Amino acid sequence: MNKLRIIIYSCILLVVFGIGTGTGIFIQKDSTQALIVPKDSSAEFQLVEQAWNIVKNNYVDRTATQPHTLAYGTIAGMVDSLGDTGHSVFLTPDEVKQENDATQGKLQGIGAEVQGKNGNVVIVAPLDGSPAQKAGLQSGDIILKVDGQPVTGVTNAVQHIRGTAGTSVTLTIQNASGTTRDVIIVRATVNITNITWQKLPGTSIVHLRLSSFAKGTSTDLDNALSAIEAQGASGIILDLRDNPGGLLDEAIGVTSRFLKDGYVLQTKDINGKITKVPVITNVPKNDLPLVVLVNQGTASAAEIVAGALQDAGRAKLEGNTTIGTGTVLIQFTLPDGSEIVLAIQEWLTPSGKTIWHAGLTPDITISLASGVVPLFPDMEKNMSLDQIKTSGDQQLLGAFNLFQ
């Protein structure tokens, strides 16, 4: 039975090291279903059985032919054959646990999310305050090697990067300009802080950062907005850069704080049926002028919020085109606790724009220079406005200038 816990993550294998793969919306969870061999596919099922037996009985490395290894490989290959790279995915029991931990705002590892893209393993976003962020990893960076060994896919990268807090791993990274470097990262326990904010020095403009959409984000936002209003803010820069997503309920809740009515998104099922998801009306509302920052690390739930605010004319988007998450995923639970996360719906913006593989196009496109790290509120506590202006974060400065 489906538990419909809709999550909107970069369908990320948030394994022990805090990395994910994919981008979509989870709807969890379907219990195991009985095996029914379709009449028109019996020959194909026999083909799989024959292939299994050939591999099991003849492959020279006997340690690699354990039944669970072959089963996981078969399931993963079947899901991968759909071509829904970075969305539909197979998760082992360990990966399921880490995914669940992430939506509760906690995980252990380097604190980054990855996906497969054009045959590469690419950083979607380093999480705020994580070892990955402190090491300078940025969205769009490609992981070439782990501890000197070339990666052969996301699952392979996950297996080698994962590890316990306090241990280290060396990643060979290639940035957008093609420069390659080795980065040594010490794994840690990462506590995800959903919301941080800071009034820009000497101004009444607030830089409000949403790092994820984990459980409780909407409530945290209520508290933050109450404090922001009490300090006499005249405008808000809502920073969704490098936000990999999270729970759909929280995305709806966050959007509803800034919109009085209308819709947050639309969903389209396999039969083309469109369902509109409305704004929640009985929650606190904020009507301060708003600019939203997005980039190539803005995914899933963060894209839903940005798309709804853009469509409603509530805020201009500034930055770079977003990652392009656009599917609603359901988690089908298998007997051993592993899961098939499968796209069963597509989501659209309230006006009907398709996001999947396309992303949201900002109203104002501004890119950061190579090597420039986005400023977040925690970094600005001891900075002057002049220091912020010379930081190189032209996206933040561009948003600030819109209020002048």
Foldseek 3Di string as FASTA:
>chain_A
DWPQQWKFFLQFLCFQAGATAHTGIEGDDAEDDDDDQDPVCPVVVVVLVVVLCCCCPDPPPNVCNPPVNVVQVVVQVVQVVVVRWSAWGWFDLRSVVSLVQVLQQKHKRQAWYWTADPQFTFTLFHFPPGQCVVQQDGGGKTFQDKQPHGARHDVSVCVRRRDGAQQKIWTWIAHPVGDTDITITGMGMGGHDQWDKDQAAPALEMEIEGQEQHPPNLVVVVVVVVVSVVVPRQEYEYEQELYRYTGLVSLLSVLLQADQWAFLWWKQFPVRDIDTHIRDHPDHHDQHQYEYEYAQSRGTSSLSSVLQCVVVVRYFYEEYFYNQYWFTWYWYAYPVNMTTTDGGIGMAHRVRHHRHRPGDGTPYYDYFDPSQDADHRVVNPPPHNVCVVPSRNVRVVVVVVVVD
